[in-house]
């Protein structure tokens, strides 16, 4: 669907109704999953469900911004995986050093891909517990009330946050592979993007967008490192493997009706938190699982793509049993929350500057245990899908971004094609 048509549809929605769902802005990572409540401004009751359409893991405090961005509007551009008739957002101050006060927050449909301009008639002011101002405590998160808006699938949204005062450290996701914007002053309600003269490849404070939808019955949460984060995918093209998977689930006959949420952090490991000199790699998979994955709205399936950084980053984890134990713990914790778990084999990194025969042997042993079964409910073999048959310790050249570790856009597409949508179906056992 073209953006001109999307803009026209958004304008029609405004003419039909400008009613607002009265939701409930809540603190913490788990938003209210009930249907929109009654009230004079509430939308008519209807069947549907809240499902995450986009998300990103908070990774660290933004460098070189110790006071935050006072008297500035942060316009985050994000890409939906499924559509809906209402939306709400989550704001995080996880790595903050002072309470974050937002006095003006808006949501709109982008007029064009990656553009800071809003589609005509789509701008909505967000509230939190009925108030236009919210203060997010240090280390906490809040979810906005819902606003009525026709949110298309596979479209860009603009989420703008204005803070009049310095917030201290800014919780951000550094490897967005998407251009977002900053404007001086309160420009949150601007429909034209001319004031947004500063560009960034960060997502700031925003960690989730949920939609009230009939299109999806739940969400697939991809939990991984830079490969899931899509660090070498084309900027603004939405060519991460999770984007390609979302396309498949929307368009393939018989595919399960799930959104896809990307919870990758570049440099992330299963077992160790990021060291102080590399904070962008985030807390370990074991420590962030609940917040970043299991608590995502509508989560039904967890896809785990982690482990390669435990091997190749210093200190190297050379005991394959410890890596597998970590993967098993992630699975068991997801099972306790009722999620089905799909696990990925570790992909080749031969030719990378840190590759050695010893580390390659660890990777092969981890993959052998994963393929043997008993670690996950099902396995997606990314290693087999992307390796070079002539040199199986390496990525196939067409799938290699050039650093011999991260895939190219073609490689990310091959990853999505390797995951059989039928694997996403079925219940998880109560225990392994």
Protein backbone atom coordinates (compact mmCIF):
# COMPACT_ATOMS: atom_id res chain seq x y z
CA UNK A 1 0.00 0.00 0.00
CA UNK A 2 1.53 3.36 -1.02
CA UNK A 3 2.15 6.10 1.49
CA UNK A 4 -0.15 8.53 -0.32
CA UNK A 5 -3.00 6.06 0.14
CA UNK A 6 -2.03 5.49 3.77
CA UNK A 7 -2.14 9.22 4.38
CA UNK A 8 -5.59 9.39 2.81
CA UNK A 9 -6.85 6.56 4.98
CA UNK A 10 -5.52 8.28 8.06
CA UNK A 11 -7.41 11.45 7.12
CA UNK A 12 -10.62 9.44 6.67
CA UNK A 13 -10.22 8.02 10.17
CA UNK A 14 -10.09 11.55 11.57
CA UNK A 15 -13.30 12.52 9.75
CA UNK A 16 -15.07 9.42 10.97
CA UNK A 17 -14.05 9.77 14.57
CA UNK A 18 -11.47 11.48 16.72
CA UNK A 19 -12.45 9.57 19.84
CA UNK A 20 -9.67 8.47 22.13
CA UNK A 21 -9.38 5.20 23.98
CA UNK A 22 -8.99 5.99 27.65
CA UNK A 23 -6.24 3.58 28.59
CA UNK A 24 -4.19 3.35 31.71
CA UNK A 25 -0.59 4.52 31.71
CA UNK A 26 1.19 2.08 33.96
CA UNK A 27 4.62 1.97 35.50
CA UNK A 28 6.93 -0.94 34.97
CA UNK A 29 7.53 -3.22 32.00
CA UNK A 30 4.16 -4.95 31.75
CA UNK A 31 1.34 -2.85 30.27
CA UNK A 32 -2.31 -3.55 30.92
CA UNK A 33 -3.44 -6.21 28.44
CA UNK A 34 -7.17 -5.80 28.97
CA UNK A 35 -9.45 -4.36 26.31
CA UNK A 36 -9.88 -0.56 26.33
CA UNK A 37 -12.16 0.40 29.22
CA UNK A 38 -15.46 2.24 29.04
CA UNK A 39 -15.97 5.97 29.44
CA UNK A 40 -17.27 8.91 27.49
CA UNK A 41 -14.18 9.05 25.29
CA UNK A 42 -13.76 5.31 24.93
CA UNK A 43 -14.04 3.59 21.58
CA UNK A 44 -16.92 1.17 21.04
CA UNK A 45 -16.35 -2.24 22.55
CA UNK A 46 -15.17 -4.80 20.01
CA UNK A 47 -13.25 -8.04 19.83
CA UNK A 48 -9.52 -7.84 19.37
CA UNK A 49 -6.36 -7.92 21.46
CA UNK A 50 -3.36 -5.83 22.40
CA UNK A 51 -0.27 -7.06 20.56
CA UNK A 52 3.17 -5.52 20.22
CA UNK A 53 3.80 -4.27 16.70
CA UNK A 54 7.31 -2.86 17.30
CA UNK A 55 9.86 -2.94 20.09
CA UNK A 56 13.52 -2.38 20.85
CA UNK A 57 15.59 -3.29 23.87
CA UNK A 58 17.08 -0.51 25.99
CA UNK A 59 20.81 -1.08 25.66
CA UNK A 60 22.64 1.64 27.58
CA UNK A 61 22.87 5.34 28.37
CA UNK A 62 23.44 7.52 25.32
CA UNK A 63 27.08 8.67 25.16
CA UNK A 64 27.93 12.37 25.18
CA UNK A 65 24.53 13.43 26.52
CA UNK A 66 24.97 13.51 30.31
CA UNK A 67 22.16 16.03 30.75
CA UNK A 68 19.82 14.44 28.23
CA UNK A 69 18.15 16.71 25.68
CA UNK A 70 16.47 19.59 27.53
CA UNK A 71 13.98 21.71 25.58
CA UNK A 72 14.15 19.32 22.64
CA UNK A 73 11.70 17.11 20.76
CA UNK A 74 12.90 13.56 20.01
CA UNK A 75 11.08 12.15 16.96
CA UNK A 76 11.61 8.37 16.83
CA UNK A 77 10.80 6.64 13.53
CA UNK A 78 9.70 3.01 13.92
CA UNK A 79 8.30 0.37 11.55
CA UNK A 80 5.20 -1.66 12.36
CA UNK A 81 4.85 -5.41 11.84
CA UNK A 82 1.05 -5.61 12.15
CA UNK A 83 -1.70 -3.01 12.02
CA UNK A 84 -4.51 -2.07 14.35
CA UNK A 85 -7.19 0.46 15.22
CA UNK A 86 -5.52 1.95 18.29
CA UNK A 87 -2.01 2.28 19.66
CA UNK A 88 -0.03 2.99 22.81
CA UNK A 89 3.68 3.37 23.57
CA UNK A 90 6.18 2.49 26.27
CA UNK A 91 8.82 4.97 27.49
CA UNK A 92 11.87 3.73 29.41
CA UNK A 93 14.21 5.47 31.84
CA UNK A 94 16.08 2.25 32.62
CA UNK A 95 19.56 3.77 32.45
CA UNK A 96 18.51 7.21 33.63
CA UNK A 97 20.22 9.09 36.44
CA UNK A 98 17.32 11.47 37.10
CA UNK A 99 13.54 11.23 36.69
CA UNK A 100 12.50 11.78 33.07
CA UNK A 101 9.69 14.33 32.65
CA UNK A 102 7.83 14.32 29.32
CA UNK A 103 5.31 17.15 28.95
CA UNK A 104 4.29 16.56 25.33
CA UNK A 105 4.18 13.20 23.54
CA UNK A 106 2.62 12.46 20.16
CA UNK A 107 2.07 9.57 17.78
CA UNK A 108 1.54 9.91 14.02
CA UNK A 109 1.80 8.01 10.79
CA UNK A 110 4.83 9.07 8.74
CA UNK A 111 3.97 10.76 5.45
CA UNK A 112 6.73 8.78 3.69
CA UNK A 113 9.22 6.09 4.69
CA UNK A 114 11.81 7.40 7.17
CA UNK A 115 10.48 10.96 6.84
CA UNK A 116 9.93 13.29 9.84
CA UNK A 117 6.69 14.62 8.30
CA UNK A 118 3.36 13.30 9.57
CA UNK A 119 0.60 12.05 7.30
CA UNK A 120 -2.31 14.53 7.19
CA UNK A 121 -4.83 13.98 9.96
CA UNK A 122 -2.81 11.30 11.76
CA UNK A 123 -1.24 13.32 14.60
CA UNK A 124 -2.40 12.24 18.07
CA UNK A 125 -1.45 13.65 21.46
CA UNK A 126 -0.63 10.95 23.99
CA UNK A 127 -1.67 10.91 27.62
CA UNK A 128 -0.62 8.90 30.65
CA UNK A 129 -3.36 8.04 33.08
CA UNK A 130 -5.35 10.85 31.50
CA UNK A 131 -2.60 13.46 31.96
CA UNK A 132 -0.52 15.05 29.22
CA UNK A 133 2.59 15.08 31.43
CA UNK A 134 4.37 12.08 32.88
CA UNK A 135 7.47 11.60 35.00
CA UNK A 136 9.29 8.30 34.61
CA UNK A 137 11.31 7.32 37.69
CA UNK A 138 14.93 6.25 37.37
CA UNK A 139 15.12 2.61 36.26
CA UNK A 140 11.42 2.43 35.43
CA UNK A 141 9.11 2.56 32.40
CA UNK A 142 5.59 3.84 31.70
CA UNK A 143 2.95 2.89 29.15
CA UNK A 144 0.74 5.57 27.61
CA UNK A 145 -3.01 5.55 27.33
CA UNK A 146 -4.26 4.25 23.99
CA UNK A 147 -5.21 6.58 21.15
CA UNK A 148 -7.53 5.73 18.32
CA UNK A 149 -5.58 5.64 15.06
CA UNK A 150 -5.68 3.45 11.98
CA UNK A 151 -2.18 1.95 12.16
CA UNK A 152 -1.26 0.03 8.98
CA UNK A 153 1.05 -2.96 8.91
CA UNK A 154 4.53 -2.40 7.46
CA UNK A 155 4.32 1.37 7.91
CA UNK A 156 6.52 3.95 9.63
CA UNK A 157 5.25 5.69 12.75
CA UNK A 158 6.53 8.88 14.36
CA UNK A 159 6.71 8.87 18.16
CA UNK A 160 7.80 12.25 19.48
CA UNK A 161 8.75 13.04 23.08
CA UNK A 162 9.37 16.54 24.41
CA UNK A 163 11.11 17.18 27.73
CA UNK A 164 11.55 20.78 28.90
CA UNK A 165 14.30 19.93 31.38
CA UNK A 166 17.47 17.87 31.43
CA UNK A 167 16.71 14.24 32.14
CA UNK A 168 20.20 13.03 32.88
CA UNK A 169 21.38 9.92 31.08
CA UNK A 170 19.23 9.01 28.07
CA UNK A 171 18.11 5.38 27.77
CA UNK A 172 18.64 4.49 24.13
CA UNK A 173 19.05 1.74 21.54
CA UNK A 174 22.15 2.63 19.53
CA UNK A 175 22.04 0.33 16.48
CA UNK A 176 18.63 1.27 15.14
CA UNK A 177 19.55 1.12 11.41
CA UNK A 178 16.85 3.75 11.09
CA UNK A 179 17.11 7.53 10.91
CA UNK A 180 15.26 9.41 13.64
CA UNK A 181 15.23 13.14 14.36
CA UNK A 182 15.62 15.92 16.92
CA UNK A 183 14.20 19.45 16.92
CA UNK A 184 14.84 22.30 19.36
CA UNK A 185 11.88 23.43 21.43
CA UNK A 186 8.46 21.83 21.72
CA UNK A 187 7.80 20.59 18.20
CA UNK A 188 6.03 17.40 19.20
CA UNK A 189 2.81 18.39 17.42
CA UNK A 190 4.50 19.61 14.23
CA UNK A 191 3.14 17.80 11.20
CA UNK A 192 5.86 19.22 8.96
CA UNK A 193 9.35 17.98 9.64
CA UNK A 194 11.23 21.14 8.75
CA UNK A 195 12.23 21.85 12.37
CA UNK A 196 13.77 18.38 12.69
CA UNK A 197 17.20 19.31 11.43
CA UNK A 198 19.26 16.93 13.56
CA UNK A 199 19.42 13.26 12.60
CA UNK A 200 20.38 10.22 14.65
CA UNK A 201 20.58 6.46 14.28
CA UNK A 202 19.43 6.02 17.90
CA UNK A 203 16.00 5.27 19.32
CA UNK A 204 15.71 7.32 22.50
CA UNK A 205 13.51 6.38 25.49
CA UNK A 206 10.97 4.58 23.26
CA UNK A 207 10.95 0.80 23.78
CA UNK A 208 7.58 -0.45 22.45
CA UNK A 209 4.49 0.31 20.40
CA UNK A 210 1.40 -1.88 20.88
CA UNK A 211 -1.74 -1.96 18.73
CA UNK A 212 -5.32 -3.05 19.36
CA UNK A 213 -5.70 -5.48 16.50
CA UNK A 214 -7.72 -8.16 14.74
CA UNK A 215 -4.76 -8.98 12.48
CA UNK A 216 -2.61 -10.89 14.98
CA UNK A 217 -3.25 -13.34 17.77
CA UNK A 218 0.13 -12.87 19.41
CA UNK A 219 3.77 -11.96 18.91
CA UNK A 220 7.02 -13.71 18.04
CA UNK A 221 9.84 -12.21 20.11
CA UNK A 222 13.31 -12.49 18.55
CA UNK A 223 15.89 -12.40 21.35
CA UNK A 224 19.42 -12.00 20.14
CA UNK A 225 22.60 -10.07 19.50
CA UNK A 226 23.83 -7.88 16.62
CA UNK A 227 22.69 -10.44 14.07
CA UNK A 228 19.10 -10.04 15.26
CA UNK A 229 19.64 -6.32 15.80
CA UNK A 230 20.47 -6.19 12.07
CA UNK A 231 23.60 -4.10 12.53
CA UNK A 232 24.77 -4.58 8.92
CA UNK A 233 21.35 -4.25 7.26
CA UNK A 234 20.68 -1.28 4.97
CA UNK A 235 19.71 1.83 6.93
CA UNK A 236 16.03 2.69 6.62
CA UNK A 237 15.23 -0.36 4.48
CA UNK A 238 13.85 -2.64 7.23
CA UNK A 239 15.97 -5.53 6.04
CA UNK A 240 16.69 -7.18 9.39
CA UNK A 241 15.84 -10.88 9.40
CA UNK A 242 12.95 -10.10 11.73
CA UNK A 243 11.51 -7.68 9.15
CA UNK A 244 11.67 -10.35 6.46
CA UNK A 245 10.00 -12.81 8.83
CA UNK A 246 7.22 -10.32 9.56
CA UNK A 247 6.68 -9.98 5.79
CA UNK A 248 6.35 -13.76 5.50
CA UNK A 249 3.86 -14.03 8.34
CA UNK A 250 1.71 -11.28 6.79
CA UNK A 251 1.69 -12.61 3.25
CA UNK A 252 2.12 -16.41 3.22
CA UNK A 253 -1.02 -18.49 3.12
CA UNK A 254 -1.39 -20.58 6.24
CA UNK A 255 1.28 -18.72 8.24
CA UNK A 256 0.37 -18.06 11.88
CA UNK A 257 -1.04 -14.60 12.58
CA UNK A 258 1.80 -13.19 14.66
CA UNK A 259 3.60 -9.88 14.84
CA UNK A 260 7.40 -9.93 15.12
CA UNK A 261 9.26 -8.02 17.84
CA UNK A 262 13.02 -7.46 17.62
CA UNK A 263 14.80 -7.63 20.99
CA UNK A 264 18.35 -7.84 19.70
CA UNK A 265 21.22 -5.89 21.23
CA UNK A 266 24.51 -5.67 19.37
CA UNK A 267 27.32 -7.37 21.29
CA UNK A 268 24.92 -9.12 23.66
CA UNK A 269 25.89 -12.35 25.41
CA UNK A 270 23.96 -15.04 27.23
CA UNK A 271 26.10 -15.22 30.35
CA UNK A 272 27.85 -11.89 30.95
CA UNK A 273 26.68 -8.30 31.22
CA UNK A 274 28.48 -5.77 29.04
CA UNK A 275 31.69 -4.44 30.61
CA UNK A 276 31.84 -0.81 31.69
CA UNK A 277 33.93 0.12 28.64
CA UNK A 278 31.32 -1.35 26.26
CA UNK A 279 27.93 -0.55 27.80
CA UNK A 280 26.07 -0.61 24.48
CA UNK A 281 26.26 -4.41 24.47
CA UNK A 282 23.61 -4.43 27.17
CA UNK A 283 22.83 -6.61 30.16
CA UNK A 284 23.22 -10.36 29.62
CA UNK A 285 20.47 -12.38 28.01
CA UNK A 286 19.81 -14.12 31.31
CA UNK A 287 19.40 -10.84 33.18
CA UNK A 288 17.23 -9.05 30.59
CA UNK A 289 14.99 -11.91 29.46
CA UNK A 290 11.95 -11.01 31.55
CA UNK A 291 12.00 -7.29 30.82
CA UNK A 292 12.93 -7.38 27.15
CA UNK A 293 11.21 -10.54 25.93
CA UNK A 294 8.80 -12.39 28.19
CA UNK A 295 6.87 -9.26 29.18
CA UNK A 296 6.31 -8.04 25.61
CA UNK A 297 2.62 -7.56 24.86
CA UNK A 298 1.06 -10.66 23.33
CA UNK A 299 4.29 -12.70 23.43
CA UNK A 300 3.59 -16.29 22.36
CA UNK A 301 6.86 -17.55 20.83
CA UNK A 302 10.47 -16.81 21.75
CA UNK A 303 13.19 -17.22 19.10
CA UNK A 304 16.64 -17.28 20.71
CA UNK A 305 19.66 -16.27 18.61
CA UNK A 306 22.45 -15.87 21.16
CA UNK A 307 25.80 -17.40 22.01
CA UNK A 308 28.34 -16.32 19.42
CA UNK A 309 29.51 -13.32 21.49
CA UNK A 310 30.05 -15.58 24.50
CA UNK A 311 32.58 -17.42 22.33
CA UNK A 312 34.35 -14.68 20.39
CA UNK A 313 34.39 -11.78 22.88
CA UNK A 314 36.90 -11.56 25.70
CA UNK A 315 36.76 -13.24 28.14
CA UNK A 316 36.08 -16.13 25.75
CA UNK A 317 33.70 -18.79 26.98
CA UNK A 318 35.32 -21.99 25.77
CA UNK A 319 33.14 -24.44 27.68
CA UNK A 320 30.27 -25.34 25.33
CA UNK A 321 28.38 -26.85 28.24
CA UNK A 322 28.08 -23.50 29.99
CA UNK A 323 26.66 -21.86 26.85
CA UNK A 324 24.13 -24.68 26.41
CA UNK A 325 23.23 -24.48 30.09
CA UNK A 326 22.49 -20.78 29.60
CA UNK A 327 20.30 -21.52 26.59
CA UNK A 328 18.44 -24.19 28.55
CA UNK A 329 17.81 -21.75 31.40
CA UNK A 330 16.39 -19.19 28.97
CA UNK A 331 14.08 -21.89 27.58
CA UNK A 332 12.93 -23.07 30.98
CA UNK A 333 12.11 -19.53 32.11
CA UNK A 334 10.15 -18.90 28.91
CA UNK A 335 8.24 -22.15 29.44
CA UNK A 336 7.22 -21.01 32.90
CA UNK A 337 5.57 -18.04 31.20
CA UNK A 338 3.85 -20.31 28.67
CA UNK A 339 5.95 -19.38 25.62
CA UNK A 340 7.06 -21.81 22.93
CA UNK A 341 10.83 -21.56 22.29
CA UNK A 342 12.63 -21.84 18.95
CA UNK A 343 16.42 -21.92 19.19
CA UNK A 344 18.95 -21.04 16.51
CA UNK A 345 22.27 -22.68 15.76
CA UNK A 346 25.31 -20.41 15.96
CA UNK A 347 26.29 -19.03 12.57
CA UNK A 348 29.79 -19.23 10.99
CA UNK A 349 32.41 -16.57 11.64
CA UNK A 350 35.43 -18.00 9.85
CA UNK A 351 37.58 -15.21 8.42
CA UNK A 352 36.64 -12.83 11.23
CA UNK A 353 39.67 -11.35 12.99
CA UNK A 354 38.81 -13.17 16.24
CA UNK A 355 38.21 -16.56 14.67
CA UNK A 356 40.47 -19.40 15.81
CA UNK A 357 40.35 -23.16 15.47
CA UNK A 358 39.72 -23.44 19.21
CA UNK A 359 36.74 -21.07 19.15
CA UNK A 360 35.40 -22.78 16.01
CA UNK A 361 35.43 -26.09 17.88
CA UNK A 362 33.34 -24.54 20.66
CA UNK A 363 30.79 -23.27 18.15
CA UNK A 364 30.55 -26.67 16.51
CA UNK A 365 30.05 -28.41 19.87
CA UNK A 366 27.28 -25.98 20.87
CA UNK A 367 25.55 -26.54 17.53
CA UNK A 368 25.85 -30.31 17.90
CA UNK A 369 24.05 -30.16 21.23
CA UNK A 370 21.37 -27.82 19.86
CA UNK A 371 20.70 -30.11 16.88
CA UNK A 372 20.58 -33.16 19.13
CA UNK A 373 17.44 -31.76 20.75
CA UNK A 374 16.36 -31.19 24.33
CA UNK A 375 17.52 -27.57 24.50
CA UNK A 376 14.57 -25.94 22.69
CA UNK A 377 11.09 -26.90 21.53
CA UNK A 378 12.29 -26.64 17.92
CA UNK A 379 15.43 -25.57 16.07
CA UNK A 380 16.04 -23.17 13.18
CA UNK A 381 19.39 -24.03 11.61
CA UNK A 382 20.80 -20.63 10.64
CA UNK A 383 24.27 -22.20 10.41
CA UNK A 384 23.21 -24.68 7.71
CA UNK A 385 21.21 -22.01 5.87
CA UNK A 386 24.03 -19.46 5.56
CA UNK A 387 27.32 -21.36 5.58
CA UNK A 388 29.50 -21.88 2.54
CA UNK A 389 29.33 -25.61 1.63
CA UNK A 390 32.93 -25.48 0.44
CA UNK A 391 34.10 -23.76 3.65
CA UNK A 392 31.49 -24.54 6.33
CA UNK A 393 33.28 -22.46 8.95
CA UNK A 394 32.51 -19.38 6.80
CA UNK A 395 29.40 -17.57 5.61
CA UNK A 396 28.54 -18.03 1.94
CA UNK A 397 30.01 -14.91 0.27
CA UNK A 398 26.64 -13.66 -1.01
CA UNK A 399 25.34 -13.79 2.57
CA UNK A 400 28.41 -12.10 4.10
CA UNK A 401 28.27 -8.35 4.84
CA UNK A 402 32.04 -8.31 4.47
CA UNK A 403 33.11 -8.67 8.09
CA UNK A 404 32.70 -12.48 8.02
CA UNK A 405 30.39 -12.40 11.03
CA UNK A 406 27.25 -10.43 10.18
CA UNK A 407 24.95 -11.21 7.24
CA UNK A 408 24.24 -8.96 4.29
CA UNK A 409 20.66 -8.02 3.41
CA UNK A 410 20.54 -11.21 1.34
CA UNK A 411 21.79 -13.15 4.33
CA UNK A 412 19.11 -11.68 6.58
CA UNK A 413 16.48 -12.69 4.03
CA UNK A 414 17.93 -16.22 3.97
CA UNK A 415 17.63 -16.38 7.77
CA UNK A 416 13.93 -15.49 7.60
CA UNK A 417 13.38 -18.06 4.86
CA UNK A 418 15.10 -20.73 6.97
CA UNK A 419 12.52 -20.40 9.75
CA UNK A 420 9.54 -22.58 8.85
CA UNK A 421 6.43 -20.70 10.08
CA UNK A 422 4.97 -24.03 11.16
CA UNK A 423 7.66 -24.19 13.86
CA UNK A 424 5.96 -21.25 15.55
CA UNK A 425 2.84 -23.30 16.19
CA UNK A 426 2.24 -25.62 19.09
CA UNK A 427 2.40 -25.46 22.83
CA UNK A 428 5.57 -25.66 24.87
CA UNK A 429 6.04 -28.43 27.39
CA UNK A 430 5.79 -27.50 31.05
CA UNK A 431 9.40 -28.58 31.51
CA UNK A 432 12.22 -30.05 29.47
